[in-house]
Amino acid sequence: SANYDILPNAKLYSEFSFHDDHTVA
């Protein structure tokens, strides 16, 4: 996640997630 204050009244925020699962029956 990342946050950045562009202006006093504007905050840019972001999130990113990645998940991988692998199984063999």
PDB file of all heavy atoms in Angstrom:
ATOM      1  N   SER A   1       0.857  -1.183   0.000  1.00  0.00           N
ATOM      2  CA  SER A   1       0.000   0.000   0.000  1.00  0.00           C
ATOM      3  C   SER A   1       0.896   1.237   0.000  1.00  0.00           C
ATOM      4  O   SER A   1       2.035   1.204   0.502  1.00  0.00           O
ATOM      5  CB  SER A   1      -0.931   0.026   1.218  1.00  0.00           C
ATOM      6  OG  SER A   1      -0.162   0.089   2.410  1.00  0.00           O
ATOM      7  N   ALA A   2       0.396   2.306  -0.579  1.00  0.00           N
ATOM      8  CA  ALA A   2       1.164   3.547  -0.645  1.00  0.00           C
ATOM      9  C   ALA A   2       0.218   4.739  -0.557  1.00  0.00           C
ATOM     10  O   ALA A   2      -0.884   4.716  -1.135  1.00  0.00           O
ATOM     11  CB  ALA A   2       1.967   3.615  -1.946  1.00  0.00           C
ATOM     12  N   ASN A   3       0.624   5.756   0.177  1.00  0.00           N
ATOM     13  CA  ASN A   3      -0.143   6.991   0.311  1.00  0.00           C
ATOM     14  C   ASN A   3       0.777   8.177   0.011  1.00  0.00           C
ATOM     15  O   ASN A   3       1.964   8.175   0.368  1.00  0.00           O
ATOM     16  CB  ASN A   3      -0.697   7.137   1.734  1.00  0.00           C
ATOM     17  CG  ASN A   3      -1.628   5.986   2.099  1.00  0.00           C
ATOM     18  OD1 ASN A   3      -2.527   5.674   1.343  1.00  0.00           O
ATOM     19  ND2 ASN A   3      -1.383   5.369   3.244  1.00  0.00           N
ATOM     20  N   TYR A   4       0.208   9.175  -0.651  1.00  0.00           N
ATOM     21  CA  TYR A   4       1.017  10.347  -0.994  1.00  0.00           C
ATOM     22  C   TYR A   4       0.139  11.593  -0.934  1.00  0.00           C
ATOM     23  O   TYR A   4      -0.924  11.638  -1.562  1.00  0.00           O
ATOM     24  CB  TYR A   4       1.603  10.184  -2.396  1.00  0.00           C
ATOM     25  CG  TYR A   4       2.529  11.294  -2.803  1.00  0.00           C
ATOM     26  CD1 TYR A   4       3.792  11.406  -2.248  1.00  0.00           C
ATOM     27  CD2 TYR A   4       2.118  12.235  -3.757  1.00  0.00           C
ATOM     28  CE1 TYR A   4       4.645  12.426  -2.627  1.00  0.00           C
ATOM     29  CE2 TYR A   4       2.962  13.258  -4.142  1.00  0.00           C
ATOM     30  CZ  TYR A   4       4.230  13.360  -3.571  1.00  0.00           C
ATOM     31  OH  TYR A   4       5.067  14.365  -3.952  1.00  0.00           O
ATOM     32  N   ASP A   5       0.600  12.582  -0.158  1.00  0.00           N
ATOM     33  CA  ASP A   5      -0.136  13.837  -0.045  1.00  0.00           C
ATOM     34  C   ASP A   5       0.225  14.729  -1.227  1.00  0.00           C
ATOM     35  O   ASP A   5       1.328  15.311  -1.276  1.00  0.00           O
ATOM     36  CB  ASP A   5       0.200  14.535   1.271  1.00  0.00           C
ATOM     37  CG  ASP A   5      -0.333  13.768   2.466  1.00  0.00           C
ATOM     38  OD1 ASP A   5      -1.343  13.064   2.296  1.00  0.00           O
ATOM     39  OD2 ASP A   5       0.270  13.851   3.544  1.00  0.00           O
ATOM     40  N   ILE A   6      -0.695  14.839  -2.166  1.00  0.00           N
ATOM     41  CA  ILE A   6      -0.456  15.675  -3.343  1.00  0.00           C
ATOM     42  C   ILE A   6      -0.600  17.154  -2.966  1.00  0.00           C
ATOM     43  O   ILE A   6       0.261  17.977  -3.263  1.00  0.00           O
ATOM     44  CB  ILE A   6      -1.448  15.317  -4.463  1.00  0.00           C
ATOM     45  CG1 ILE A   6      -1.336  13.829  -4.815  1.00  0.00           C
ATOM     46  CG2 ILE A   6      -1.195  16.164  -5.697  1.00  0.00           C
ATOM     47  CD1 ILE A   6      -2.383  13.366  -5.796  1.00  0.00           C
ATOM     48  N   LEU A   7      -1.712  17.456  -2.295  1.00  0.00           N
ATOM     49  CA  LEU A   7      -2.028  18.812  -1.835  1.00  0.00           C
ATOM     50  C   LEU A   7      -2.549  18.711  -0.406  1.00  0.00           C
ATOM     51  O   LEU A   7      -2.890  17.608   0.061  1.00  0.00           O
ATOM     52  CB  LEU A   7      -3.088  19.447  -2.744  1.00  0.00           C
ATOM     53  CG  LEU A   7      -2.698  19.662  -4.220  1.00  0.00           C
ATOM     54  CD1 LEU A   7      -3.940  20.047  -5.026  1.00  0.00           C
ATOM     55  CD2 LEU A   7      -1.615  20.726  -4.345  1.00  0.00           C
ATOM     56  N   PRO A   8      -2.672  19.808   0.290  1.00  0.00           N
ATOM     57  CA  PRO A   8      -3.218  19.736   1.648  1.00  0.00           C
ATOM     58  C   PRO A   8      -4.611  19.106   1.698  1.00  0.00           C
ATOM     59  O   PRO A   8      -4.987  18.499   2.706  1.00  0.00           O
ATOM     60  CB  PRO A   8      -3.245  21.203   2.097  1.00  0.00           C
ATOM     61  CG  PRO A   8      -2.154  21.844   1.313  1.00  0.00           C
ATOM     62  CD  PRO A   8      -2.184  21.175  -0.024  1.00  0.00           C
ATOM     63  N   ASN A   9      -5.380  19.228   0.621  1.00  0.00           N
ATOM     64  CA  ASN A   9      -6.736  18.665   0.604  1.00  0.00           C
ATOM     65  C   ASN A   9      -6.878  17.504  -0.383  1.00  0.00           C
ATOM     66  O   ASN A   9      -7.977  17.183  -0.805  1.00  0.00           O
ATOM     67  CB  ASN A   9      -7.743  19.761   0.259  1.00  0.00           C
ATOM     68  CG  ASN A   9      -7.478  20.344  -1.119  1.00  0.00           C
ATOM     69  OD1 ASN A   9      -6.418  20.104  -1.703  1.00  0.00           O
ATOM     70  ND2 ASN A   9      -8.435  21.108  -1.623  1.00  0.00           N
ATOM     71  N   ALA A  10      -5.757  16.876  -0.729  1.00  0.00           N
ATOM     72  CA  ALA A  10      -5.812  15.753  -1.669  1.00  0.00           C
ATOM     73  C   ALA A  10      -4.740  14.733  -1.314  1.00  0.00           C
ATOM     74  O   ALA A  10      -3.543  15.014  -1.420  1.00  0.00           O
ATOM     75  CB  ALA A  10      -5.649  16.223  -3.110  1.00  0.00           C
ATOM     76  N   LYS A  11      -5.177  13.543  -0.879  1.00  0.00           N
ATOM     77  CA  LYS A  11      -4.259  12.449  -0.568  1.00  0.00           C
ATOM     78  C   LYS A  11      -4.493  11.312  -1.572  1.00  0.00           C
ATOM     79  O   LYS A  11      -5.623  10.832  -1.728  1.00  0.00           O
ATOM     80  CB  LYS A  11      -4.479  11.938   0.847  1.00  0.00           C
ATOM     81  CG  LYS A  11      -3.649  10.695   1.174  1.00  0.00           C
ATOM     82  CD  LYS A  11      -3.923  10.168   2.563  1.00  0.00           C
ATOM     83  CE  LYS A  11      -3.268  11.084   3.586  1.00  0.00           C
ATOM     84  NZ  LYS A  11      -3.353  10.502   4.960  1.00  0.00           N
ATOM     85  N   LEU A  12      -3.432  10.908  -2.240  1.00  0.00           N
ATOM     86  CA  LEU A  12      -3.500   9.783  -3.166  1.00  0.00           C
ATOM     87  C   LEU A  12      -3.198   8.505  -2.393  1.00  0.00           C
ATOM     88  O   LEU A  12      -2.212   8.449  -1.644  1.00  0.00           O
ATOM     89  CB  LEU A  12      -2.484   9.971  -4.299  1.00  0.00           C
ATOM     90  CG  LEU A  12      -2.462   8.890  -5.385  1.00  0.00           C
ATOM     91  CD1 LEU A  12      -3.738   8.957  -6.217  1.00  0.00           C
ATOM     92  CD2 LEU A  12      -1.228   9.067  -6.279  1.00  0.00           C
ATOM     93  N   TYR A  13      -4.043   7.505  -2.534  1.00  0.00           N
ATOM     94  CA  TYR A  13      -3.800   6.230  -1.837  1.00  0.00           C
ATOM     95  C   TYR A  13      -3.945   5.072  -2.825  1.00  0.00           C
ATOM     96  O   TYR A  13      -4.656   5.161  -3.826  1.00  0.00           O
ATOM     97  CB  TYR A  13      -4.745   6.054  -0.651  1.00  0.00           C
ATOM     98  CG  TYR A  13      -6.205   5.962  -0.983  1.00  0.00           C
ATOM     99  CD1 TYR A  13      -6.823   4.734  -1.210  1.00  0.00           C
ATOM    100  CD2 TYR A  13      -6.994   7.119  -1.028  1.00  0.00           C
ATOM    101  CE1 TYR A  13      -8.179   4.662  -1.494  1.00  0.00           C
ATOM    102  CE2 TYR A  13      -8.341   7.059  -1.312  1.00  0.00           C
ATOM    103  CZ  TYR A  13      -8.937   5.816  -1.549  1.00  0.00           C
ATOM    104  OH  TYR A  13     -10.277   5.744  -1.843  1.00  0.00           O
ATOM    105  N   SER A  14      -3.242   3.984  -2.540  1.00  0.00           N
ATOM    106  CA  SER A  14      -3.277   2.819  -3.436  1.00  0.00           C
ATOM    107  C   SER A  14      -3.019   1.543  -2.635  1.00  0.00           C
ATOM    108  O   SER A  14      -2.369   1.565  -1.579  1.00  0.00           O
ATOM    109  CB  SER A  14      -2.227   2.955  -4.548  1.00  0.00           C
ATOM    110  OG  SER A  14      -0.928   2.993  -4.005  1.00  0.00           O
ATOM    111  N   GLU A  15      -3.543   0.450  -3.162  1.00  0.00           N
ATOM    112  CA  GLU A  15      -3.321  -0.873  -2.585  1.00  0.00           C
ATOM    113  C   GLU A  15      -3.094  -1.858  -3.727  1.00  0.00           C
ATOM    114  O   GLU A  15      -3.677  -1.718  -4.811  1.00  0.00           O
ATOM    115  CB  GLU A  15      -4.537  -1.333  -1.772  1.00  0.00           C
ATOM    116  CG  GLU A  15      -4.910  -0.437  -0.617  1.00  0.00           C
ATOM    117  CD  GLU A  15      -6.220  -0.878   0.036  1.00  0.00           C
ATOM    118  OE1 GLU A  15      -6.712  -1.976  -0.305  1.00  0.00           O
ATOM    119  OE2 GLU A  15      -6.740  -0.115   0.855  1.00  0.00           O
ATOM    120  N   PHE A  16      -2.250  -2.832  -3.483  1.00  0.00           N
ATOM    121  CA  PHE A  16      -2.040  -3.894  -4.462  1.00  0.00           C
ATOM    122  C   PHE A  16      -1.791  -5.200  -3.724  1.00  0.00           C
ATOM    123  O   PHE A  16      -1.042  -5.227  -2.733  1.00  0.00           O
ATOM    124  CB  PHE A  16      -0.842  -3.592  -5.365  1.00  0.00           C
ATOM    125  CG  PHE A  16      -0.561  -4.689  -6.352  1.00  0.00           C
ATOM    126  CD1 PHE A  16      -1.331  -4.825  -7.502  1.00  0.00           C
ATOM    127  CD2 PHE A  16       0.465  -5.595  -6.125  1.00  0.00           C
ATOM    128  CE1 PHE A  16      -1.080  -5.854  -8.402  1.00  0.00           C
ATOM    129  CE2 PHE A  16       0.727  -6.620  -7.027  1.00  0.00           C
ATOM    130  CZ  PHE A  16      -0.046  -6.744  -8.170  1.00  0.00           C
ATOM    131  N   SER A  17      -2.420  -6.277  -4.208  1.00  0.00           N
ATOM    132  CA  SER A  17      -2.203  -7.589  -3.601  1.00  0.00           C
ATOM    133  C   SER A  17      -2.141  -8.657  -4.692  1.00  0.00           C
ATOM    134  O   SER A  17      -2.798  -8.557  -5.736  1.00  0.00           O
ATOM    135  CB  SER A  17      -3.316  -7.928  -2.598  1.00  0.00           C
ATOM    136  OG  SER A  17      -4.567  -8.021  -3.247  1.00  0.00           O
ATOM    137  N   PHE A  18      -1.342  -9.660  -4.443  1.00  0.00           N
ATOM    138  CA  PHE A  18      -1.176 -10.799  -5.345  1.00  0.00           C
ATOM    139  C   PHE A  18      -1.085 -12.059  -4.500  1.00  0.00           C
ATOM    140  O   PHE A  18      -0.349 -12.098  -3.508  1.00  0.00           O
ATOM    141  CB  PHE A  18       0.093 -10.640  -6.183  1.00  0.00           C
ATOM    142  CG  PHE A  18       0.504 -11.902  -6.910  1.00  0.00           C
ATOM    143  CD1 PHE A  18      -0.068 -12.233  -8.127  1.00  0.00           C
ATOM    144  CD2 PHE A  18       1.456 -12.752  -6.361  1.00  0.00           C
ATOM    145  CE1 PHE A  18       0.303 -13.403  -8.793  1.00  0.00           C
ATOM    146  CE2 PHE A  18       1.832 -13.915  -7.021  1.00  0.00           C
ATOM    147  CZ  PHE A  18       1.262 -14.239  -8.237  1.00  0.00           C
ATOM    148  N   HIS A  19      -1.846 -13.066  -4.893  1.00  0.00           N
ATOM    149  CA  HIS A  19      -1.807 -14.350  -4.192  1.00  0.00           C
ATOM    150  C   HIS A  19      -1.899 -15.470  -5.209  1.00  0.00           C
ATOM    151  O   HIS A  19      -2.651 -15.385  -6.187  1.00  0.00           O
ATOM    152  CB  HIS A  19      -2.953 -14.465  -3.174  1.00  0.00           C
ATOM    153  CG  HIS A  19      -2.881 -13.473  -2.065  1.00  0.00           C
ATOM    154  ND1 HIS A  19      -2.136 -13.680  -0.922  1.00  0.00           N
ATOM    155  CD2 HIS A  19      -3.443 -12.249  -1.935  1.00  0.00           C
ATOM    156  CE1 HIS A  19      -2.247 -12.626  -0.137  1.00  0.00           C
ATOM    157  NE2 HIS A  19      -3.044 -11.751  -0.725  1.00  0.00           N
ATOM    158  N   ASP A  20      -1.135 -16.507  -4.982  1.00  0.00           N
ATOM    159  CA  ASP A  20      -1.130 -17.673  -5.874  1.00  0.00           C
ATOM    160  C   ASP A  20      -1.088 -18.934  -5.026  1.00  0.00           C
ATOM    161  O   ASP A  20      -0.276 -19.031  -4.084  1.00  0.00           O
ATOM    162  CB  ASP A  20       0.081 -17.627  -6.806  1.00  0.00           C
ATOM    163  CG  ASP A  20       0.107 -18.805  -7.771  1.00  0.00           C
ATOM    164  OD1 ASP A  20      -0.481 -18.702  -8.856  1.00  0.00           O
ATOM    165  OD2 ASP A  20       0.724 -19.846  -7.434  1.00  0.00           O
ATOM    166  N   ASP A  21      -1.968 -19.875  -5.321  1.00  0.00           N
ATOM    167  CA  ASP A  21      -1.910 -21.170  -4.651  1.00  0.00           C
ATOM    168  C   ASP A  21      -1.968 -22.289  -5.680  1.00  0.00           C
ATOM    169  O   ASP A  21      -2.681 -22.201  -6.681  1.00  0.00           O
ATOM    170  CB  ASP A  21      -3.026 -21.317  -3.608  1.00  0.00           C
ATOM    171  CG  ASP A  21      -4.414 -21.380  -4.222  1.00  0.00           C
ATOM    172  OD1 ASP A  21      -4.832 -22.474  -4.625  1.00  0.00           O
ATOM    173  OD2 ASP A  21      -5.071 -20.330  -4.297  1.00  0.00           O
ATOM    174  N   HIS A  22      -1.195 -23.324  -5.447  1.00  0.00           N
ATOM    175  CA  HIS A  22      -1.058 -24.449  -6.381  1.00  0.00           C
ATOM    176  C   HIS A  22      -1.038 -25.742  -5.581  1.00  0.00           C
ATOM    177  O   HIS A  22      -0.292 -25.868  -4.607  1.00  0.00           O
ATOM    178  CB  HIS A  22       0.246 -24.310  -7.179  1.00  0.00           C
ATOM    179  CG  HIS A  22       0.494 -25.431  -8.131  1.00  0.00           C
ATOM    180  ND1 HIS A  22       1.737 -25.931  -8.405  1.00  0.00           N
ATOM    181  CD2 HIS A  22      -0.378 -26.171  -8.877  1.00  0.00           C
ATOM    182  CE1 HIS A  22       1.653 -26.921  -9.275  1.00  0.00           C
ATOM    183  NE2 HIS A  22       0.375 -27.086  -9.570  1.00  0.00           N
ATOM    184  N   THR A  23      -1.870 -26.688  -5.970  1.00  0.00           N
ATOM    185  CA  THR A  23      -1.936 -27.967  -5.268  1.00  0.00           C
ATOM    186  C   THR A  23      -2.241 -29.077  -6.258  1.00  0.00           C
ATOM    187  O   THR A  23      -2.866 -28.844  -7.297  1.00  0.00           O
ATOM    188  CB  THR A  23      -2.995 -27.943  -4.152  1.00  0.00           C
ATOM    189  OG1 THR A  23      -2.983 -29.194  -3.452  1.00  0.00           O
ATOM    190  CG2 THR A  23      -4.388 -27.710  -4.716  1.00  0.00           C
ATOM    191  N   VAL A  24      -1.788 -30.266  -5.929  1.00  0.00           N
ATOM    192  CA  VAL A  24      -2.013 -31.444  -6.772  1.00  0.00           C
ATOM    193  C   VAL A  24      -2.676 -32.521  -5.920  1.00  0.00           C
ATOM    194  O   VAL A  24      -2.142 -32.923  -4.873  1.00  0.00           O
ATOM    195  CB  VAL A  24      -0.698 -31.988  -7.365  1.00  0.00           C
ATOM    196  CG1 VAL A  24      -0.969 -33.260  -8.172  1.00  0.00           C
ATOM    197  CG2 VAL A  24      -0.037 -30.940  -8.251  1.00  0.00           C
ATOM    198  N   ALA A  25      -3.832 -32.959  -6.371  1.00  0.00           N
ATOM    199  CA  ALA A  25      -4.522 -34.080  -5.732  1.00  0.00           C
ATOM    200  C   ALA A  25      -4.240 -35.346  -6.532  1.00  0.00           C
ATOM    201  O   ALA A  25      -4.090 -35.305  -7.749  1.00  0.00           O
ATOM    202  CB  ALA A  25      -6.025 -33.818  -5.676  1.00  0.00           C
TER     203      ALA A  25
END
